[in-house]
C-alpha atoms as a PDB file:
ATOM      1  CA  MET A   1      -5.448  10.766  -3.237  1.00  0.00           C
ATOM      2  CA  ASN A   2      -2.455  11.979  -5.072  1.00  0.00           C
ATOM      3  CA  THR A   3      -1.782  11.966  -8.662  1.00  0.00           C
ATOM      4  CA  LYS A   4       0.208   8.331  -8.834  1.00  0.00           C
ATOM      5  CA  GLU A   5      -2.332   6.655  -6.684  1.00  0.00           C
ATOM      6  CA  LYS A   6      -5.279   8.533  -8.839  1.00  0.00           C
ATOM      7  CA  LYS A   7      -3.072   6.607 -12.151  1.00  0.00           C
ATOM      8  CA  ARG A   8      -2.927   3.392 -10.205  1.00  0.00           C
ATOM      9  CA  SER A   9      -5.411   1.859 -12.195  1.00  0.00           C
ATOM     10  CA  ALA A  10      -5.587   3.916 -15.334  1.00  0.00           C
ATOM     11  CA  LYS A  11      -5.737   0.454 -17.399  1.00  0.00           C
ATOM     12  CA  LYS A  12      -9.172  -1.027 -17.350  1.00  0.00           C
ATOM     13  CA  PRO A  13      -8.935  -4.305 -15.746  1.00  0.00           C
ATOM     14  CA  LYS A  14     -10.435  -7.260 -17.818  1.00  0.00           C
ATOM     15  CA  ARG A  15     -14.104  -7.935 -16.351  1.00  0.00           C
ATOM     16  CA  VAL A  16     -14.755 -11.183 -14.793  1.00  0.00           C
ATOM     17  CA  LYS A  17     -17.891 -12.997 -12.843  1.00  0.00           C
ATOM     18  CA  GLN A  18     -18.342 -11.846  -9.735  1.00  0.00           C
ATOM     19  CA  ALA A  19     -17.429 -14.130  -6.543  1.00  0.00           C
ATOM     20  CA  THR A  20     -20.484 -15.119  -4.718  1.00  0.00           C
ATOM     21  CA  LYS A  21     -20.920 -14.578  -0.953  1.00  0.00           C
ATOM     22  CA  ARG A  22     -19.916 -17.804  -0.382  1.00  0.00           C
ATOM     23  CA  GLU A  23     -16.928 -17.724  -2.241  1.00  0.00           C
ATOM     24  CA  ILE A  24     -16.146 -14.236  -0.564  1.00  0.00           C
ATOM     25  CA  GLU A  25     -16.399 -15.844   2.613  1.00  0.00           C
ATOM     26  CA  GLU A  26     -14.418 -18.919   1.775  1.00  0.00           C
ATOM     27  CA  ILE A  27     -11.681 -16.598   0.363  1.00  0.00           C
ATOM     28  CA  LYS A  28     -11.199 -14.427   3.174  1.00  0.00           C
ATOM     29  CA  THR A  29     -11.100 -17.546   5.348  1.00  0.00           C
ATOM     30  CA  ARG A  30      -7.912 -19.017   3.128  1.00  0.00           C
ATOM     31  CA  PHE A  31      -6.522 -15.913   3.245  1.00  0.00           C
ATOM     32  CA  LEU A  32      -6.257 -15.320   6.920  1.00  0.00           C
ATOM     33  CA  GLU A  33      -5.306 -19.114   7.489  1.00  0.00           C
ATOM     34  CA  HIS A  34      -2.190 -18.667   5.125  1.00  0.00           C
ATOM     35  CA  TYR A  35      -1.379 -15.267   6.469  1.00  0.00           C
ATOM     36  CA  PRO A  36      -1.942 -15.093  10.100  1.00  0.00           C
ATOM     37  CA  ASP A  37       0.048 -12.437  11.198  1.00  0.00           C
ATOM     38  CA  SER A  38       0.788 -10.471   7.985  1.00  0.00           C
ATOM     39  CA  VAL A  39       2.634  -7.794   8.281  1.00  0.00           C
ATOM     40  CA  THR A  40       4.225  -5.058   5.961  1.00  0.00           C
ATOM     41  CA  GLU A  41       7.668  -6.001   4.661  1.00  0.00           C
ATOM     42  CA  LEU A  42       9.065  -2.251   5.034  1.00  0.00           C
ATOM     43  CA  GLN A  43      11.628  -1.886   7.806  1.00  0.00           C
ATOM     44  CA  TYR A  44      10.779   0.746  10.471  1.00  0.00           C
ATOM     45  CA  ARG A  45      11.161   1.618  14.090  1.00  0.00           C
ATOM     46  CA  ASN A  46       8.426   4.152  14.688  1.00  0.00           C
ATOM     47  CA  LEU A  47       5.973   6.105  13.538  1.00  0.00           C
ATOM     48  CA  TYR A  48       7.649   8.570  11.507  1.00  0.00           C
ATOM     49  CA  GLU A  49       9.696   5.891   9.775  1.00  0.00           C
ATOM     50  CA  LEU A  50       6.723   3.966   8.805  1.00  0.00           C
ATOM     51  CA  LEU A  51       5.141   6.756   7.402  1.00  0.00           C
ATOM     52  CA  ILE A  52       8.438   7.837   4.853  1.00  0.00           C
ATOM     53  CA  SER A  53       8.454   4.168   3.855  1.00  0.00           C
ATOM     54  CA  VAL A  54       5.362   4.118   2.830  1.00  0.00           C
ATOM     55  CA  MET A  55       5.711   7.306   1.020  1.00  0.00           C
ATOM     56  CA  LEU A  56       8.635   6.350  -0.552  1.00  0.00           C
ATOM     57  CA  SER A  57       7.008   2.803  -1.697  1.00  0.00           C
ATOM     58  CA  ALA A  58       4.660   3.913  -4.086  1.00  0.00           C
ATOM     59  CA  GLN A  59       5.471   2.926  -7.642  1.00  0.00           C
ATOM     60  CA  CYS A  60       9.049   1.412  -5.933  1.00  0.00           C
ATOM     61  CA  THR A  61       9.506  -1.931  -4.233  1.00  0.00           C
ATOM     62  CA  ASP A  62       9.421  -2.690  -0.460  1.00  0.00           C
ATOM     63  CA  LYS A  63      13.232  -4.346  -1.249  1.00  0.00           C
ATOM     64  CA  ARG A  64      14.576  -1.051  -2.544  1.00  0.00           C
ATOM     65  CA  VAL A  65      12.925   1.315   0.239  1.00  0.00           C
ATOM     66  CA  ASN A  66      14.274  -0.777   2.594  1.00  0.00           C
ATOM     67  CA  LEU A  67      17.646  -0.258   1.022  1.00  0.00           C
ATOM     68  CA  ILE A  68      17.492   3.582   1.322  1.00  0.00           C
ATOM     69  CA  THR A  69      16.451   4.253   4.531  1.00  0.00           C
ATOM     70  CA  PRO A  70      18.746   3.453   6.951  1.00  0.00           C
ATOM     71  CA  ALA A  71      21.041   6.232   5.847  1.00  0.00           C
ATOM     72  CA  LEU A  72      17.874   8.805   5.217  1.00  0.00           C
ATOM     73  CA  PHE A  73      16.381   7.806   9.057  1.00  0.00           C
ATOM     74  CA  GLU A  74      20.053   8.404  10.080  1.00  0.00           C
ATOM     75  CA  ALA A  75      20.595  11.960   8.586  1.00  0.00           C
ATOM     76  CA  TYR A  76      16.970  12.953   9.308  1.00  0.00           C
ATOM     77  CA  PRO A  77      15.907  11.068  12.441  1.00  0.00           C
ATOM     78  CA  SER A  78      12.640  12.947  13.206  1.00  0.00           C
ATOM     79  CA  PRO A  79      10.275  15.256  11.223  1.00  0.00           C
ATOM     80  CA  ALA A  80      12.554  18.230  12.691  1.00  0.00           C
ATOM     81  CA  GLU A  81      15.670  17.720  11.096  1.00  0.00           C
ATOM     82  CA  LEU A  82      13.603  16.768   7.794  1.00  0.00           C
ATOM     83  CA  ALA A  83      11.659  19.590   7.777  1.00  0.00           C
ATOM     84  CA  SER A  84      14.732  22.269   7.376  1.00  0.00           C
ATOM     85  CA  ALA A  85      16.843  19.604   5.014  1.00  0.00           C
ATOM     86  CA  ASP A  86      18.383  20.587   2.022  1.00  0.00           C
ATOM     87  CA  LEU A  87      16.612  19.414  -1.230  1.00  0.00           C
ATOM     88  CA  ASP A  88      19.365  18.377  -2.830  1.00  0.00           C
ATOM     89  CA  GLU A  89      20.419  16.122   0.149  1.00  0.00           C
ATOM     90  CA  VAL A  90      17.659  14.562   0.187  1.00  0.00           C
ATOM     91  CA  LYS A  91      16.943  13.727  -3.188  1.00  0.00           C
ATOM     92  CA  GLY A  92      20.796  12.350  -2.932  1.00  0.00           C
ATOM     93  CA  TYR A  93      19.485   9.951  -0.067  1.00  0.00           C
ATOM     94  CA  ILE A  94      16.491   8.760  -2.054  1.00  0.00           C
ATOM     95  CA  LYS A  95      18.205   9.145  -5.756  1.00  0.00           C
ATOM     96  CA  SER A  96      17.597   4.942  -6.438  1.00  0.00           C
ATOM     97  CA  CYS A  97      14.092   5.407  -5.552  1.00  0.00           C
ATOM     98  CA  SER A  98      11.459   6.043  -8.535  1.00  0.00           C
ATOM     99  CA  PHE A  99       9.887   9.547  -8.899  1.00  0.00           C
ATOM    100  CA  PHE A 100      12.902  10.780  -6.190  1.00  0.00           C
ATOM    101  CA  ASN A 101      12.637  14.523  -7.194  1.00  0.00           C
ATOM    102  CA  ASN A 102       9.020  14.422  -6.476  1.00  0.00           C
ATOM    103  CA  LYS A 103       9.319  12.591  -3.176  1.00  0.00           C
ATOM    104  CA  ALA A 104      11.943  14.504  -1.889  1.00  0.00           C
ATOM    105  CA  LYS A 105       9.565  17.727  -2.019  1.00  0.00           C
ATOM    106  CA  ASN A 106       6.878  16.119  -0.241  1.00  0.00           C
ATOM    107  CA  LEU A 107       9.096  14.440   2.346  1.00  0.00           C
ATOM    108  CA  ILE A 108      10.196  18.015   3.266  1.00  0.00           C
ATOM    109  CA  LYS A 109       6.588  19.656   3.014  1.00  0.00           C
ATOM    110  CA  MET A 110       5.257  17.043   5.172  1.00  0.00           C
ATOM    111  CA  ALA A 111       7.781  17.421   7.698  1.00  0.00           C
ATOM    112  CA  GLN A 112       7.287  21.101   8.034  1.00  0.00           C
ATOM    113  CA  SER A 113       3.540  20.162   8.271  1.00  0.00           C
ATOM    114  CA  VAL A 114       3.863  17.903  11.156  1.00  0.00           C
ATOM    115  CA  ILE A 115       6.397  20.670  13.023  1.00  0.00           C
ATOM    116  CA  GLN A 116       3.696  23.829  12.060  1.00  0.00           C
ATOM    117  CA  ASN A 117      -0.130  21.617  12.848  1.00  0.00           C
ATOM    118  CA  TYR A 118       1.047  18.845  14.705  1.00  0.00           C
ATOM    119  CA  GLN A 119       3.463  19.597  17.420  1.00  0.00           C
ATOM    120  CA  GLY A 120       6.028  17.646  15.810  1.00  0.00           C
ATOM    121  CA  GLU A 121       4.013  14.759  15.642  1.00  0.00           C
ATOM    122  CA  ILE A 122       3.269  11.923  12.833  1.00  0.00           C
ATOM    123  CA  PRO A 123      -0.903  12.206  13.830  1.00  0.00           C
ATOM    124  CA  LEU A 124      -2.334   8.721  13.517  1.00  0.00           C
ATOM    125  CA  SER A 125      -5.662   9.480  11.704  1.00  0.00           C
ATOM    126  CA  GLN A 126      -6.443   9.434   8.154  1.00  0.00           C
ATOM    127  CA  GLU A 127      -7.969  12.304   7.982  1.00  0.00           C
ATOM    128  CA  GLU A 128      -5.337  14.142   9.064  1.00  0.00           C
ATOM    129  CA  LEU A 129      -2.661  11.679   7.601  1.00  0.00           C
ATOM    130  CA  VAL A 130      -3.884  12.857   4.017  1.00  0.00           C
ATOM    131  CA  THR A 131      -3.383  16.352   4.753  1.00  0.00           C
ATOM    132  CA  LEU A 132       0.216  15.826   4.544  1.00  0.00           C
ATOM    133  CA  ALA A 133       1.704  16.441   1.576  1.00  0.00           C
ATOM    134  CA  GLY A 134       2.370  13.331  -0.405  1.00  0.00           C
ATOM    135  CA  VAL A 135      -0.030  11.711   1.518  1.00  0.00           C
ATOM    136  CA  GLY A 136      -3.242  10.097  -0.336  1.00  0.00           C
ATOM    137  CA  GLN A 137      -5.885   7.765   0.807  1.00  0.00           C
ATOM    138  CA  LYS A 138      -4.000   4.728   0.375  1.00  0.00           C
ATOM    139  CA  THR A 139      -0.829   6.258   2.083  1.00  0.00           C
ATOM    140  CA  ALA A 140      -2.533   6.593   5.318  1.00  0.00           C
ATOM    141  CA  ASN A 141      -4.579   3.579   4.748  1.00  0.00           C
ATOM    142  CA  VAL A 142      -1.329   1.608   4.736  1.00  0.00           C
ATOM    143  CA  VAL A 143       0.056   3.714   7.799  1.00  0.00           C
ATOM    144  CA  MET A 144      -2.988   2.884   9.724  1.00  0.00           C
ATOM    145  CA  ILE A 145      -3.302  -0.754   9.040  1.00  0.00           C
ATOM    146  CA  GLU A 146       0.373  -1.455   9.954  1.00  0.00           C
ATOM    147  CA  TYR A 147       0.893   0.738  13.035  1.00  0.00           C
ATOM    148  CA  ALA A 148      -2.832   1.012  14.485  1.00  0.00           C
ATOM    149  CA  GLY A 149      -4.313  -2.150  13.182  1.00  0.00           C
ATOM    150  CA  ALA A 150      -6.887  -0.236  12.089  1.00  0.00           C
ATOM    151  CA  ASN A 151      -9.982  -2.476   9.987  1.00  0.00           C
ATOM    152  CA  LEU A 152      -9.315  -0.479   6.729  1.00  0.00           C
ATOM    153  CA  MET A 153      -8.142  -1.842   3.053  1.00  0.00           C
ATOM    154  CA  ALA A 154      -5.939  -0.693   1.548  1.00  0.00           C
ATOM    155  CA  VAL A 155      -5.041  -0.873  -2.403  1.00  0.00           C
ATOM    156  CA  ASP A 156      -1.790  -1.057  -4.176  1.00  0.00           C
ATOM    157  CA  THR A 157      -1.352  -2.825  -7.583  1.00  0.00           C
ATOM    158  CA  HIS A 158      -0.935  -5.972  -5.975  1.00  0.00           C
ATOM    159  CA  VAL A 159      -4.145  -6.208  -4.391  1.00  0.00           C
ATOM    160  CA  PHE A 160      -5.629  -4.859  -7.195  1.00  0.00           C
ATOM    161  CA  ARG A 161      -4.734  -7.316  -9.259  1.00  0.00           C
ATOM    162  CA  VAL A 162      -5.903 -10.229  -6.894  1.00  0.00           C
ATOM    163  CA  ALA A 163      -9.216  -8.848  -6.337  1.00  0.00           C
ATOM    164  CA  HIS A 164      -9.974  -8.255 -10.119  1.00  0.00           C
ATOM    165  CA  ARG A 165      -8.340 -12.390 -10.653  1.00  0.00           C
ATOM    166  CA  LEU A 166     -10.797 -13.302  -7.853  1.00  0.00           C
ATOM    167  CA  GLY A 167     -13.680 -11.648  -8.833  1.00  0.00           C
ATOM    168  CA  LEU A 168     -14.101  -9.825  -5.477  1.00  0.00           C
ATOM    169  CA  SER A 169     -13.961  -6.113  -7.870  1.00  0.00           C
ATOM    170  CA  ASN A 170     -14.803  -5.194 -11.366  1.00  0.00           C
ATOM    171  CA  ALA A 171     -14.172  -1.656 -10.457  1.00  0.00           C
ATOM    172  CA  ALA A 172     -11.800   0.559 -12.758  1.00  0.00           C
ATOM    173  CA  THR A 173      -9.961   2.511  -9.647  1.00  0.00           C
ATOM    174  CA  ALA A 174      -8.346   1.896  -6.579  1.00  0.00           C
ATOM    175  CA  VAL A 175     -10.931   3.635  -4.654  1.00  0.00           C
ATOM    176  CA  LYS A 176     -13.825   2.062  -6.019  1.00  0.00           C
ATOM    177  CA  THR A 177     -11.826  -1.596  -5.321  1.00  0.00           C
ATOM    178  CA  GLU A 178     -11.226  -0.505  -1.762  1.00  0.00           C
ATOM    179  CA  GLU A 179     -14.780   0.456  -1.105  1.00  0.00           C
ATOM    180  CA  GLU A 180     -15.778  -2.929  -2.759  1.00  0.00           C
ATOM    181  CA  LEU A 181     -13.608  -5.274  -0.472  1.00  0.00           C
ATOM    182  CA  SER A 182     -14.381  -3.241   2.803  1.00  0.00           C
ATOM    183  CA  ARG A 183     -17.831  -3.783   1.975  1.00  0.00           C
ATOM    184  CA  LYS A 184     -17.638  -7.354   0.992  1.00  0.00           C
ATOM    185  CA  PHE A 185     -15.144  -8.211   3.911  1.00  0.00           C
ATOM    186  CA  LYS A 186     -16.105  -5.917   6.885  1.00  0.00           C
ATOM    187  CA  THR A 187     -13.611  -7.221   9.094  1.00  0.00           C
ATOM    188  CA  ASP A 188     -10.277  -8.119   9.344  1.00  0.00           C
ATOM    189  CA  LEU A 189      -9.420  -5.711   6.833  1.00  0.00           C
ATOM    190  CA  HIS A 190      -5.983  -4.903   8.260  1.00  0.00           C
ATOM    191  CA  LEU A 191      -5.277  -8.793   7.699  1.00  0.00           C
ATOM    192  CA  LEU A 192      -6.739  -8.952   4.682  1.00  0.00           C
ATOM    193  CA  HIS A 193      -4.705  -5.887   3.092  1.00  0.00           C
ATOM    194  CA  GLN A 194      -1.546  -7.469   3.549  1.00  0.00           C
ATOM    195  CA  ALA A 195      -2.597 -11.110   2.873  1.00  0.00           C
ATOM    196  CA  MET A 196      -3.252  -9.849  -0.539  1.00  0.00           C
ATOM    197  CA  VAL A 197       0.053  -7.675  -0.859  1.00  0.00           C
ATOM    198  CA  LEU A 198       1.832 -10.729  -0.200  1.00  0.00           C
ATOM    199  CA  PHE A 199      -0.323 -13.059  -2.270  1.00  0.00           C
ATOM    200  CA  GLY A 200       0.327 -11.014  -5.399  1.00  0.00           C
ATOM    201  CA  ARG A 201       3.609 -10.139  -4.950  1.00  0.00           C
ATOM    202  CA  TYR A 202       4.675 -13.778  -4.693  1.00  0.00           C
ATOM    203  CA  THR A 203       1.803 -16.087  -6.158  1.00  0.00           C
ATOM    204  CA  CYS A 204      -0.621 -14.361  -8.261  1.00  0.00           C
ATOM    205  CA  LYS A 205       2.027 -12.580  -9.662  1.00  0.00           C
ATOM    206  CA  ALA A 206       1.235 -10.294 -12.625  1.00  0.00           C
ATOM    207  CA  VAL A 207       3.155 -12.067 -15.471  1.00  0.00           C
ATOM    208  CA  LYS A 208       4.030 -16.229 -14.830  1.00  0.00           C
ATOM    209  CA  PRO A 209       1.452 -16.038 -12.023  1.00  0.00           C
ATOM    210  CA  ASP A 210       2.656 -19.234  -9.443  1.00  0.00           C
ATOM    211  CA  CYS A 211      -0.813 -21.558  -9.850  1.00  0.00           C
ATOM    212  CA  GLU A 212       0.835 -24.817  -8.922  1.00  0.00           C
ATOM    213  CA  LYS A 213       1.392 -22.896  -5.370  1.00  0.00           C
ATOM    214  CA  CYS A 214      -2.060 -21.100  -5.218  1.00  0.00           C
ATOM    215  CA  PHE A 215      -4.504 -22.127  -2.532  1.00  0.00           C
ATOM    216  CA  LEU A 216      -7.120 -20.199  -4.254  1.00  0.00           C
ATOM    217  CA  THR A 217      -6.975 -21.700  -7.730  1.00  0.00           C
ATOM    218  CA  ASP A 218     -10.913 -23.202  -7.337  1.00  0.00           C
ATOM    219  CA  TYR A 219     -11.845 -19.434  -6.962  1.00  0.00           C
ATOM    220  CA  CYS A 220      -9.794 -17.635  -9.851  1.00  0.00           C
ATOM    221  CA  LYS A 221     -12.148 -16.288 -12.232  1.00  0.00           C
ATOM    222  CA  SER A 222      -8.531 -15.433 -15.048  1.00  0.00           C
ATOM    223  CA  LYS A 223      -7.477 -18.432 -15.620  1.00  0.00           C
ATOM    224  CA  GLU A 224      -7.195 -17.882 -19.117  1.00  0.00           C
ATOM    225  CA  GLY A 225      -4.899 -14.852 -20.121  1.00  0.00           C
ATOM    226  CA  PHE A 226      -4.286 -13.242 -16.856  1.00  0.00           C
ATOM    227  CA  LYS A 227      -4.970  -9.678 -18.027  1.00  0.00           C
ATOM    228  CA  VAL A 228      -5.279  -8.049 -14.687  1.00  0.00           C
END
């Protein structure tokens, strides 16, 4: 897990009463009913583009990433071009993205590693993905979830918030929250991950959650204050 992902849950969440086994099953059922075919909102055409998009999305909105990537992908259509790219030129393409300096460095290092160690092909396993610069556990899991439908959970700020408000976790870190969600849900983790992302992004928002449109109000453990 990279530094940004370690800091994701630095603020200690409000502890809430944990969901029962029956509640967990009902929450899972409702998520799958409301988001039966949930996929990422990042726009990509292949594994290489997906990996770059996910790397850029850290601390940045998918909408912003989708505005940045068309020109970036045109300039560097494969790892080979990106591996030999000029750092300042890469920065120029992604300068409207948060932490663009570090992300530009990691994109080039990632591509160089792919050329040197994986014959120019993006690896499709969690163990290999996390060896690449700028790719932590959450990023690797998202790529595996979206591209391969892997039964994995990834915890971003939306999933973290939703999990704690629903009493699915009281863990203080994203990694521990991921472990709890994986253990409690067990199956359909790829669908549940994206369902929770969309739910947190558009309904269970950090500020002014849209409780009137929520289909899980009867299971919400944080109705007062919304401090998560």
